[in-house]
């Protein structure tokens, strides 16, 4: 099997890689780099292709998925209630400003 061949991966692994890749692309990562990161993440969590061979039946490691949740929660918990409130108010003002600009642009 040539390097880069994905035929040994299950449909679920392919879906996971596609979802991870889309997420990175939405954050502005180059498409090739996003695909590279996505497949590396799937390999890390599942141990590679699962369709044949001795690697089948091993548990899936969700360390990559858990890491993101911990980071996001810690960042919010580290701020004071006043800081979180100010951030929420600023975000609401930005959403309102963007909605008004969008309405004005569509009225032209």
PDB file of N, CA and C in Angstrom:
ATOM      1  N   UNK A   1       0.849  -1.178   0.000  1.00  0.00           N
ATOM      2  CA  UNK A   1       0.000   0.000   0.000  1.00  0.00           C
ATOM      3  C   UNK A   1       0.897   1.245   0.000  1.00  0.00           C
ATOM      4  N   UNK A   2       0.716   2.171  -0.942  1.00  0.00           N
ATOM      5  CA  UNK A   2       1.555   3.373  -0.993  1.00  0.00           C
ATOM      6  C   UNK A   2       1.260   4.315   0.176  1.00  0.00           C
ATOM      7  N   UNK A   3       2.259   5.123   0.503  1.00  0.00           N
ATOM      8  CA  UNK A   3       2.070   6.097   1.575  1.00  0.00           C
ATOM      9  C   UNK A   3       0.949   7.059   1.193  1.00  0.00           C
ATOM     10  N   UNK A   4       0.103   7.388   2.149  1.00  0.00           N
ATOM     11  CA  UNK A   4      -0.997   8.305   1.887  1.00  0.00           C
ATOM     12  C   UNK A   4      -2.277   7.609   1.479  1.00  0.00           C
ATOM     13  N   UNK A   5      -2.218   6.291   1.250  1.00  0.00           N
ATOM     14  CA  UNK A   5      -3.412   5.542   0.867  1.00  0.00           C
ATOM     15  C   UNK A   5      -4.323   5.401   2.090  1.00  0.00           C
ATOM     16  N   UNK A   6      -5.572   5.781   1.960  1.00  0.00           N
ATOM     17  CA  UNK A   6      -6.497   5.784   3.088  1.00  0.00           C
ATOM     18  C   UNK A   6      -7.455   4.598   3.060  1.00  0.00           C
ATOM     19  N   UNK A   7      -7.179   3.581   2.242  1.00  0.00           N
ATOM     20  CA  UNK A   7      -8.109   2.469   2.107  1.00  0.00           C
ATOM     21  C   UNK A   7      -8.202   1.616   3.367  1.00  0.00           C
ATOM     22  N   UNK A   8      -7.208   1.682   4.262  1.00  0.00           N
ATOM     23  CA  UNK A   8      -7.230   0.880   5.477  1.00  0.00           C
ATOM     24  C   UNK A   8      -8.032   1.545   6.594  1.00  0.00           C
ATOM     25  N   UNK A   9      -8.546   2.744   6.359  1.00  0.00           N
ATOM     26  CA  UNK A   9      -9.288   3.465   7.385  1.00  0.00           C
ATOM     27  C   UNK A   9     -10.782   3.176   7.275  1.00  0.00           C
ATOM     28  N   UNK A  10     -11.463   3.170   8.422  1.00  0.00           N
ATOM     29  CA  UNK A  10     -12.906   2.947   8.430  1.00  0.00           C
ATOM     30  C   UNK A  10     -13.609   4.231   7.990  1.00  0.00           C
ATOM     31  N   UNK A  11     -14.888   4.089   7.691  1.00  0.00           N
ATOM     32  CA  UNK A  11     -15.673   5.265   7.310  1.00  0.00           C
ATOM     33  C   UNK A  11     -15.716   6.272   8.457  1.00  0.00           C
ATOM     34  N   UNK A  12     -15.794   5.771   9.682  1.00  0.00           N
ATOM     35  CA  UNK A  12     -15.836   6.656  10.837  1.00  0.00           C
ATOM     36  C   UNK A  12     -14.541   7.452  10.943  1.00  0.00           C
ATOM     37  N   UNK A  13     -13.394   6.806  10.735  1.00  0.00           N
ATOM     38  CA  UNK A  13     -12.114   7.509  10.801  1.00  0.00           C
ATOM     39  C   UNK A  13     -12.027   8.569   9.702  1.00  0.00           C
ATOM     40  N   UNK A  14     -12.531   8.248   8.528  1.00  0.00           N
ATOM     41  CA  UNK A  14     -12.521   9.213   7.422  1.00  0.00           C
ATOM     42  C   UNK A  14     -13.415  10.409   7.747  1.00  0.00           C
ATOM     43  N   UNK A  15     -14.579  10.159   8.360  1.00  0.00           N
ATOM     44  CA  UNK A  15     -15.464  11.250   8.766  1.00  0.00           C
ATOM     45  C   UNK A  15     -14.803  12.121   9.823  1.00  0.00           C
ATOM     46  N   UNK A  16     -14.138  11.479  10.782  1.00  0.00           N
ATOM     47  CA  UNK A  16     -13.459  12.228  11.830  1.00  0.00           C
ATOM     48  C   UNK A  16     -12.386  13.136  11.231  1.00  0.00           C
ATOM     49  N   UNK A  17     -11.598  12.598  10.317  1.00  0.00           N
ATOM     50  CA  UNK A  17     -10.534  13.388   9.695  1.00  0.00           C
ATOM     51  C   UNK A  17     -11.119  14.552   8.906  1.00  0.00           C
ATOM     52  N   UNK A  18     -12.211  14.293   8.179  1.00  0.00           N
ATOM     53  CA  UNK A  18     -12.844  15.355   7.392  1.00  0.00           C
ATOM     54  C   UNK A  18     -13.362  16.466   8.317  1.00  0.00           C
ATOM     55  N   UNK A  19     -13.961  16.088   9.432  1.00  0.00           N
ATOM     56  CA  UNK A  19     -14.504  17.070  10.380  1.00  0.00           C
ATOM     57  C   UNK A  19     -13.376  17.904  11.002  1.00  0.00           C
ATOM     58  N   UNK A  20     -12.302  17.252  11.395  1.00  0.00           N
ATOM     59  CA  UNK A  20     -11.163  17.958  11.983  1.00  0.00           C
ATOM     60  C   UNK A  20     -10.550  18.897  10.957  1.00  0.00           C
ATOM     61  N   UNK A  21     -10.419  18.425   9.733  1.00  0.00           N
ATOM     62  CA  UNK A  21      -9.845  19.243   8.657  1.00  0.00           C
ATOM     63  C   UNK A  21     -10.692  20.489   8.407  1.00  0.00           C
ATOM     64  N   UNK A  22     -12.004  20.324   8.340  1.00  0.00           N
ATOM     65  CA  UNK A  22     -12.896  21.473   8.120  1.00  0.00           C
ATOM     66  C   UNK A  22     -12.766  22.485   9.254  1.00  0.00           C
ATOM     67  N   UNK A  23     -12.646  21.989  10.463  1.00  0.00           N
ATOM     68  CA  UNK A  23     -12.517  22.865  11.615  1.00  0.00           C
ATOM     69  C   UNK A  23     -11.250  23.711  11.526  1.00  0.00           C
ATOM     70  N   UNK A  24     -10.150  23.088  11.139  1.00  0.00           N
ATOM     71  CA  UNK A  24      -8.902  23.840  11.004  1.00  0.00           C
ATOM     72  C   UNK A  24      -8.986  24.849   9.853  1.00  0.00           C
ATOM     73  N   UNK A  25      -9.625  24.465   8.751  1.00  0.00           N
ATOM     74  CA  UNK A  25      -9.754  25.384   7.609  1.00  0.00           C
ATOM     75  C   UNK A  25     -10.603  26.599   7.981  1.00  0.00           C
ATOM     76  N   UNK A  26     -11.644  26.389   8.801  1.00  0.00           N
ATOM     77  CA  UNK A  26     -12.472  27.509   9.248  1.00  0.00           C
ATOM     78  C   UNK A  26     -11.660  28.497  10.086  1.00  0.00           C
ATOM     79  N   UNK A  27     -10.621  27.988  10.750  1.00  0.00           N
ATOM     80  CA  UNK A  27      -9.762  28.843  11.567  1.00  0.00           C
ATOM     81  C   UNK A  27      -8.624  29.449  10.760  1.00  0.00           C
ATOM     82  N   UNK A  28      -8.613  29.231   9.443  1.00  0.00           N
ATOM     83  CA  UNK A  28      -7.639  29.892   8.587  1.00  0.00           C
ATOM     84  C   UNK A  28      -6.389  29.102   8.283  1.00  0.00           C
ATOM     85  N   UNK A  29      -6.353  27.814   8.606  1.00  0.00           N
ATOM     86  CA  UNK A  29      -5.184  26.990   8.313  1.00  0.00           C
ATOM     87  C   UNK A  29      -5.248  26.546   6.856  1.00  0.00           C
ATOM     88  N   UNK A  30      -4.110  26.509   6.192  1.00  0.00           N
ATOM     89  CA  UNK A  30      -4.003  26.066   4.806  1.00  0.00           C
ATOM     90  C   UNK A  30      -4.610  24.663   4.663  1.00  0.00           C
ATOM     91  N   UNK A  31      -5.258  24.382   3.531  1.00  0.00           N
ATOM     92  CA  UNK A  31      -5.965  23.114   3.330  1.00  0.00           C
ATOM     93  C   UNK A  31      -5.040  21.905   3.460  1.00  0.00           C
ATOM     94  N   UNK A  32      -3.843  21.976   2.888  1.00  0.00           N
ATOM     95  CA  UNK A  32      -2.915  20.847   2.971  1.00  0.00           C
ATOM     96  C   UNK A  32      -2.465  20.608   4.410  1.00  0.00           C
ATOM     97  N   UNK A  33      -2.171  21.678   5.105  1.00  0.00           N
ATOM     98  CA  UNK A  33      -1.736  21.567   6.499  1.00  0.00           C
ATOM     99  C   UNK A  33      -2.884  21.051   7.365  1.00  0.00           C
ATOM    100  N   UNK A  34      -4.113  21.508   7.081  1.00  0.00           N
ATOM    101  CA  UNK A  34      -5.278  21.054   7.839  1.00  0.00           C
ATOM    102  C   UNK A  34      -5.482  19.555   7.663  1.00  0.00           C
ATOM    103  N   UNK A  35      -5.315  19.061   6.437  1.00  0.00           N
ATOM    104  CA  UNK A  35      -5.453  17.623   6.182  1.00  0.00           C
ATOM    105  C   UNK A  35      -4.368  16.841   6.918  1.00  0.00           C
ATOM    106  N   UNK A  36      -3.168  17.367   6.901  1.00  0.00           N
ATOM    107  CA  UNK A  36      -2.052  16.714   7.586  1.00  0.00           C
ATOM    108  C   UNK A  36      -2.322  16.598   9.093  1.00  0.00           C
ATOM    109  N   UNK A  37      -2.785  17.689   9.695  1.00  0.00           N
ATOM    110  CA  UNK A  37      -3.090  17.693  11.126  1.00  0.00           C
ATOM    111  C   UNK A  37      -4.249  16.746  11.426  1.00  0.00           C
ATOM    112  N   UNK A  38      -5.260  16.748  10.553  1.00  0.00           N
ATOM    113  CA  UNK A  38      -6.442  15.912  10.772  1.00  0.00           C
ATOM    114  C   UNK A  38      -6.074  14.431  10.798  1.00  0.00           C
ATOM    115  N   UNK A  39      -5.311  13.988   9.827  1.00  0.00           N
ATOM    116  CA  UNK A  39      -4.945  12.571   9.784  1.00  0.00           C
ATOM    117  C   UNK A  39      -3.985  12.208  10.908  1.00  0.00           C
ATOM    118  N   UNK A  40      -3.116  13.139  11.304  1.00  0.00           N
ATOM    119  CA  UNK A  40      -2.232  12.879  12.442  1.00  0.00           C
ATOM    120  C   UNK A  40      -3.059  12.706  13.717  1.00  0.00           C
ATOM    121  N   UNK A  41      -4.117  13.507  13.859  1.00  0.00           N
ATOM    122  CA  UNK A  41      -4.978  13.419  15.030  1.00  0.00           C
ATOM    123  C   UNK A  41      -5.733  12.098  15.045  1.00  0.00           C
ATOM    124  N   UNK A  42      -6.269  11.693  13.897  1.00  0.00           N
ATOM    125  CA  UNK A  42      -6.992  10.415  13.803  1.00  0.00           C
ATOM    126  C   UNK A  42      -6.040   9.267  14.123  1.00  0.00           C
ATOM    127  N   UNK A  43      -4.835   9.319  13.593  1.00  0.00           N
ATOM    128  CA  UNK A  43      -3.850   8.264  13.868  1.00  0.00           C
ATOM    129  C   UNK A  43      -3.498   8.211  15.345  1.00  0.00           C
ATOM    130  N   UNK A  44      -3.367   9.377  15.964  1.00  0.00           N
ATOM    131  CA  UNK A  44      -3.018   9.428  17.383  1.00  0.00           C
ATOM    132  C   UNK A  44      -4.133   8.830  18.240  1.00  0.00           C
ATOM    133  N   UNK A  45      -5.377   9.150  17.899  1.00  0.00           N
ATOM    134  CA  UNK A  45      -6.503   8.701  18.704  1.00  0.00           C
ATOM    135  C   UNK A  45      -6.836   7.236  18.483  1.00  0.00           C
ATOM    136  N   UNK A  46      -6.754   6.757  17.246  1.00  0.00           N
ATOM    137  CA  UNK A  46      -7.232   5.409  16.929  1.00  0.00           C
ATOM    138  C   UNK A  46      -6.115   4.421  16.634  1.00  0.00           C
ATOM    139  N   UNK A  47      -4.904   4.894  16.500  1.00  0.00           N
ATOM    140  CA  UNK A  47      -3.802   3.986  16.201  1.00  0.00           C
ATOM    141  C   UNK A  47      -3.668   3.657  14.735  1.00  0.00           C
ATOM    142  N   UNK A  48      -4.221   4.475  13.863  1.00  0.00           N
ATOM    143  CA  UNK A  48      -4.090   4.260  12.421  1.00  0.00           C
ATOM    144  C   UNK A  48      -5.276   3.526  11.841  1.00  0.00           C
ATOM    145  N   UNK A  49      -5.096   3.003  10.624  1.00  0.00           N
ATOM    146  CA  UNK A  49      -6.169   2.298   9.925  1.00  0.00           C
ATOM    147  C   UNK A  49      -6.637   1.075  10.689  1.00  0.00           C
ATOM    148  N   UNK A  50      -7.936   0.824  10.695  1.00  0.00           N
ATOM    149  CA  UNK A  50      -8.500  -0.255  11.503  1.00  0.00           C
ATOM    150  C   UNK A  50      -9.130  -1.384  10.683  1.00  0.00           C
ATOM    151  N   UNK A  51      -9.004  -1.371   9.364  1.00  0.00           N
ATOM    152  CA  UNK A  51      -9.715  -2.363   8.579  1.00  0.00           C
ATOM    153  C   UNK A  51      -9.073  -3.741   8.616  1.00  0.00           C
ATOM    154  N   UNK A  52      -7.765  -3.836   8.809  1.00  0.00           N
ATOM    155  CA  UNK A  52      -7.130  -5.151   8.847  1.00  0.00           C
ATOM    156  C   UNK A  52      -5.893  -5.087   9.721  1.00  0.00           C
ATOM    157  N   UNK A  53      -5.427  -6.239  10.138  1.00  0.00           N
ATOM    158  CA  UNK A  53      -4.193  -6.290  10.900  1.00  0.00           C
ATOM    159  C   UNK A  53      -4.402  -6.466  12.389  1.00  0.00           C
ATOM    160  N   UNK A  54      -3.304  -6.456  13.131  1.00  0.00           N
ATOM    161  CA  UNK A  54      -3.348  -6.774  14.552  1.00  0.00           C
ATOM    162  C   UNK A  54      -3.782  -5.603  15.413  1.00  0.00           C
ATOM    163  N   UNK A  55      -3.937  -4.416  14.843  1.00  0.00           N
ATOM    164  CA  UNK A  55      -4.301  -3.249  15.632  1.00  0.00           C
ATOM    165  C   UNK A  55      -5.777  -3.147  15.946  1.00  0.00           C
ATOM    166  N   UNK A  56      -6.582  -4.041  15.405  1.00  0.00           N
ATOM    167  CA  UNK A  56      -8.020  -3.964  15.628  1.00  0.00           C
ATOM    168  C   UNK A  56      -8.370  -4.346  17.049  1.00  0.00           C
ATOM    169  N   UNK A  57      -9.388  -3.715  17.570  1.00  0.00           N
ATOM    170  CA  UNK A  57      -9.882  -4.060  18.882  1.00  0.00           C
ATOM    171  C   UNK A  57      -9.254  -3.277  20.020  1.00  0.00           C
ATOM    172  N   UNK A  58      -8.318  -2.416  19.735  1.00  0.00           N
ATOM    173  CA  UNK A  58      -7.697  -1.614  20.789  1.00  0.00           C
ATOM    174  C   UNK A  58      -8.574  -0.403  21.085  1.00  0.00           C
ATOM    175  N   UNK A  59      -8.563   0.057  22.324  1.00  0.00           N
ATOM    176  CA  UNK A  59      -9.424   1.199  22.675  1.00  0.00           C
ATOM    177  C   UNK A  59      -8.987   2.481  21.983  1.00  0.00           C
ATOM    178  N   UNK A  60      -9.942   3.376  21.812  1.00  0.00           N
ATOM    179  CA  UNK A  60      -9.687   4.670  21.187  1.00  0.00           C
ATOM    180  C   UNK A  60      -9.311   5.661  22.276  1.00  0.00           C
ATOM    181  N   UNK A  61      -8.263   6.428  22.039  1.00  0.00           N
ATOM    182  CA  UNK A  61      -7.775   7.408  23.001  1.00  0.00           C
ATOM    183  C   UNK A  61      -8.303   8.784  22.611  1.00  0.00           C
ATOM    184  N   UNK A  62      -9.054   9.438  23.499  1.00  0.00           N
ATOM    185  CA  UNK A  62      -9.667  10.724  23.190  1.00  0.00           C
ATOM    186  C   UNK A  62      -8.869  11.901  23.749  1.00  0.00           C
ATOM    187  N   UNK A  63      -7.568  11.723  23.966  1.00  0.00           N
ATOM    188  CA  UNK A  63      -6.775  12.766  24.604  1.00  0.00           C
ATOM    189  C   UNK A  63      -6.820  14.085  23.814  1.00  0.00           C
ATOM    190  N   UNK A  64      -6.831  14.033  22.500  1.00  0.00           N
ATOM    191  CA  UNK A  64      -6.841  15.253  21.697  1.00  0.00           C
ATOM    192  C   UNK A  64      -8.145  16.024  21.872  1.00  0.00           C
ATOM    193  N   UNK A  65      -9.250  15.319  21.909  1.00  0.00           N
ATOM    194  CA  UNK A  65     -10.549  15.964  22.069  1.00  0.00           C
ATOM    195  C   UNK A  65     -10.702  16.543  23.473  1.00  0.00           C
ATOM    196  N   UNK A  66     -10.196  15.836  24.477  1.00  0.00           N
ATOM    197  CA  UNK A  66     -10.308  16.315  25.852  1.00  0.00           C
ATOM    198  C   UNK A  66      -9.466  17.566  26.076  1.00  0.00           C
ATOM    199  N   UNK A  67      -8.324  17.633  25.399  1.00  0.00           N
ATOM    200  CA  UNK A  67      -7.411  18.757  25.584  1.00  0.00           C
ATOM    201  C   UNK A  67      -8.104  20.081  25.241  1.00  0.00           C
ATOM    202  N   UNK A  68      -8.811  20.119  24.136  1.00  0.00           N
ATOM    203  CA  UNK A  68      -9.475  21.350  23.725  1.00  0.00           C
ATOM    204  C   UNK A  68     -10.501  21.811  24.742  1.00  0.00           C
ATOM    205  N   UNK A  69     -11.259  20.880  25.306  1.00  0.00           N
ATOM    206  CA  UNK A  69     -12.258  21.229  26.305  1.00  0.00           C
ATOM    207  C   UNK A  69     -11.635  21.783  27.576  1.00  0.00           C
ATOM    208  N   UNK A  70     -10.539  21.188  28.000  1.00  0.00           N
ATOM    209  CA  UNK A  70      -9.871  21.662  29.211  1.00  0.00           C
ATOM    210  C   UNK A  70      -9.309  23.060  29.007  1.00  0.00           C
ATOM    211  N   UNK A  71      -8.716  23.303  27.854  1.00  0.00           N
ATOM    212  CA  UNK A  71      -8.125  24.612  27.588  1.00  0.00           C
ATOM    213  C   UNK A  71      -9.202  25.693  27.598  1.00  0.00           C
ATOM    214  N   UNK A  72     -10.319  25.430  26.916  1.00  0.00           N
ATOM    215  CA  UNK A  72     -11.387  26.420  26.844  1.00  0.00           C
ATOM    216  C   UNK A  72     -11.989  26.721  28.202  1.00  0.00           C
ATOM    217  N   UNK A  73     -12.192  25.700  29.015  1.00  0.00           N
ATOM    218  CA  UNK A  73     -12.767  25.909  30.333  1.00  0.00           C
ATOM    219  C   UNK A  73     -11.826  26.659  31.257  1.00  0.00           C
ATOM    220  N   UNK A  74     -10.542  26.350  31.177  1.00  0.00           N
ATOM    221  CA  UNK A  74      -9.566  26.992  32.055  1.00  0.00           C
ATOM    222  C   UNK A  74      -9.440  28.481  31.746  1.00  0.00           C
ATOM    223  N   UNK A  75      -9.506  28.829  30.471  1.00  0.00           N
ATOM    224  CA  UNK A  75      -9.364  30.226  30.083  1.00  0.00           C
ATOM    225  C   UNK A  75     -10.509  31.060  30.662  1.00  0.00           C
ATOM    226  N   UNK A  76     -11.704  30.536  30.595  1.00  0.00           N
ATOM    227  CA  UNK A  76     -12.862  31.266  31.113  1.00  0.00           C
ATOM    228  C   UNK A  76     -12.843  31.325  32.640  1.00  0.00           C
ATOM    229  N   UNK A  77     -12.473  30.227  33.265  1.00  0.00           N
ATOM    230  CA  UNK A  77     -12.481  30.171  34.725  1.00  0.00           C
ATOM    231  C   UNK A  77     -11.421  31.077  35.335  1.00  0.00           C
ATOM    232  N   UNK A  78     -10.389  31.397  34.597  1.00  0.00           N
ATOM    233  CA  UNK A  78      -9.303  32.223  35.124  1.00  0.00           C
ATOM    234  C   UNK A  78      -9.692  33.703  35.196  1.00  0.00           C
ATOM    235  N   UNK A  79     -10.797  34.085  34.531  1.00  0.00           N
ATOM    236  CA  UNK A  79     -11.195  35.490  34.520  1.00  0.00           C
ATOM    237  C   UNK A  79     -12.207  35.782  35.623  1.00  0.00           C
ATOM    238  N   UNK A  80     -12.227  37.023  36.047  1.00  0.00           N
ATOM    239  CA  UNK A  80     -13.189  37.431  37.073  1.00  0.00           C
ATOM    240  C   UNK A  80     -14.566  37.586  36.439  1.00  0.00           C
ATOM    241  N   UNK A  81     -15.625  37.564  37.253  1.00  0.00           N
ATOM    242  CA  UNK A  81     -16.974  37.774  36.706  1.00  0.00           C
ATOM    243  C   UNK A  81     -17.098  39.111  35.972  1.00  0.00           C
ATOM    244  N   UNK A  82     -16.416  40.134  36.463  1.00  0.00           N
ATOM    245  CA  UNK A  82     -16.479  41.447  35.803  1.00  0.00           C
ATOM    246  C   UNK A  82     -15.848  41.387  34.404  1.00  0.00           C
ATOM    247  N   UNK A  83     -14.725  40.667  34.302  1.00  0.00           N
ATOM    248  CA  UNK A  83     -14.057  40.544  32.997  1.00  0.00           C
ATOM    249  C   UNK A  83     -14.927  39.764  32.015  1.00  0.00           C
ATOM    250  N   UNK A  84     -15.566  38.682  32.505  1.00  0.00           N
ATOM    251  CA  UNK A  84     -16.435  37.897  31.625  1.00  0.00           C
ATOM    252  C   UNK A  84     -17.630  38.725  31.170  1.00  0.00           C
ATOM    253  N   UNK A  85     -18.194  39.525  32.078  1.00  0.00           N
ATOM    254  CA  UNK A  85     -19.338  40.363  31.745  1.00  0.00           C
ATOM    255  C   UNK A  85     -18.954  41.417  30.709  1.00  0.00           C
ATOM    256  N   UNK A  86     -17.803  42.050  30.909  1.00  0.00           N
ATOM    257  CA  UNK A  86     -17.344  43.070  29.959  1.00  0.00           C
ATOM    258  C   UNK A  86     -17.129  42.462  28.590  1.00  0.00           C
ATOM    259  N   UNK A  87     -16.568  41.257  28.558  1.00  0.00           N
ATOM    260  CA  UNK A  87     -16.333  40.577  27.287  1.00  0.00           C
ATOM    261  C   UNK A  87     -17.650  40.257  26.585  1.00  0.00           C
ATOM    262  N   UNK A  88     -18.640  39.794  27.355  1.00  0.00           N
ATOM    263  CA  UNK A  88     -19.950  39.469  26.794  1.00  0.00           C
ATOM    264  C   UNK A  88     -20.629  40.714  26.240  1.00  0.00           C
ATOM    265  N   UNK A  89     -20.528  41.838  26.963  1.00  0.00           N
ATOM    266  CA  UNK A  89     -21.125  43.088  26.493  1.00  0.00           C
ATOM    267  C   UNK A  89     -20.452  43.574  25.213  1.00  0.00           C
ATOM    268  N   UNK A  90     -19.125  43.453  25.163  1.00  0.00           N
ATOM    269  CA  UNK A  90     -18.395  43.858  23.964  1.00  0.00           C
ATOM    270  C   UNK A  90     -18.809  42.992  22.773  1.00  0.00           C
ATOM    271  N   UNK A  91     -18.947  41.670  23.004  1.00  0.00           N
ATOM    272  CA  UNK A  91     -19.352  40.759  21.935  1.00  0.00           C
ATOM    273  C   UNK A  91     -20.760  41.097  21.433  1.00  0.00           C
ATOM    274  N   UNK A  92     -21.660  41.410  22.354  1.00  0.00           N
ATOM    275  CA  UNK A  92     -23.031  41.763  21.967  1.00  0.00           C
ATOM    276  C   UNK A  92     -23.037  43.038  21.127  1.00  0.00           C
ATOM    277  N   UNK A  93     -22.225  44.019  21.519  1.00  0.00           N
ATOM    278  CA  UNK A  93     -22.141  45.263  20.754  1.00  0.00           C
ATOM    279  C   UNK A  93     -21.585  45.007  19.361  1.00  0.00           C
ATOM    280  N   UNK A  94     -20.603  44.134  19.254  1.00  0.00           N
ATOM    281  CA  UNK A  94     -20.020  43.798  17.953  1.00  0.00           C
ATOM    282  C   UNK A  94     -21.044  43.105  17.071  1.00  0.00           C
ATOM    283  N   UNK A  95     -21.799  42.146  17.643  1.00  0.00           N
ATOM    284  CA  UNK A  95     -22.833  41.459  16.862  1.00  0.00           C
ATOM    285  C   UNK A  95     -23.888  42.445  16.372  1.00  0.00           C
ATOM    286  N   UNK A  96     -24.280  43.384  17.228  1.00  0.00           N
ATOM    287  CA  UNK A  96     -25.283  44.383  16.848  1.00  0.00           C
ATOM    288  C   UNK A  96     -24.744  45.266  15.727  1.00  0.00           C
ATOM    289  N   UNK A  97     -23.494  45.726  15.864  1.00  0.00           N
ATOM    290  CA  UNK A  97     -22.871  46.572  14.847  1.00  0.00           C
ATOM    291  C   UNK A  97     -22.760  45.833  13.507  1.00  0.00           C
ATOM    292  N   UNK A  98     -22.362  44.564  13.550  1.00  0.00           N
ATOM    293  CA  UNK A  98     -22.239  43.780  12.319  1.00  0.00           C
ATOM    294  C   UNK A  98     -23.596  43.549  11.663  1.00  0.00           C
ATOM    295  N   UNK A  99     -24.629  43.316  12.474  1.00  0.00           N
ATOM    296  CA  UNK A  99     -25.970  43.104  11.929  1.00  0.00           C
ATOM    297  C   UNK A  99     -26.478  44.377  11.246  1.00  0.00           C
ATOM    298  N   UNK A 100     -26.220  45.525  11.865  1.00  0.00           N
ATOM    299  CA  UNK A 100     -26.644  46.791  11.275  1.00  0.00           C
ATOM    300  C   UNK A 100     -25.898  47.057   9.962  1.00  0.00           C
ATOM    301  N   UNK A 101     -24.605  46.752   9.939  1.00  0.00           N
ATOM    302  CA  UNK A 101     -23.815  46.951   8.717  1.00  0.00           C
ATOM    303  C   UNK A 101     -24.305  46.021   7.606  1.00  0.00           C
ATOM    304  N   UNK A 102     -24.679  44.808   7.969  1.00  0.00           N
ATOM    305  CA  UNK A 102     -25.176  43.862   6.982  1.00  0.00           C
ATOM    306  C   UNK A 102     -26.510  44.313   6.427  1.00  0.00           C
ATOM    307  N   UNK A 103     -27.369  44.835   7.321  1.00  0.00           N
ATOM    308  CA  UNK A 103     -28.666  45.346   6.871  1.00  0.00           C
ATOM    309  C   UNK A 103     -28.478  46.537   5.919  1.00  0.00           C
ATOM    310  N   UNK A 104     -27.554  47.422   6.276  1.00  0.00           N
ATOM    311  CA  UNK A 104     -27.301  48.593   5.443  1.00  0.00           C
ATOM    312  C   UNK A 104     -26.744  48.205   4.079  1.00  0.00           C
ATOM    313  N   UNK A 105     -25.889  47.197   4.059  1.00  0.00           N
ATOM    314  CA  UNK A 105     -25.296  46.746   2.796  1.00  0.00           C
ATOM    315  C   UNK A 105     -26.348  46.094   1.903  1.00  0.00           C
ATOM    316  N   UNK A 106     -27.283  45.353   2.493  1.00  0.00           N
ATOM    317  CA  UNK A 106     -28.296  44.684   1.691  1.00  0.00           C
ATOM    318  C   UNK A 106     -29.376  45.659   1.204  1.00  0.00           C
ATOM    319  N   UNK A 107     -29.502  46.819   1.876  1.00  0.00           N
ATOM    320  CA  UNK A 107     -30.511  47.824   1.480  1.00  0.00           C
ATOM    321  C   UNK A 107     -30.053  48.623   0.270  1.00  0.00           C
ATOM    322  N   UNK A 108     -28.737  48.614   0.005  1.00  0.00           N
ATOM    323  CA  UNK A 108     -28.210  49.398  -1.130  1.00  0.00           C
ATOM    324  C   UNK A 108     -28.605  48.831  -2.456  1.00  0.00           C
TER     325      UNK A 108
END
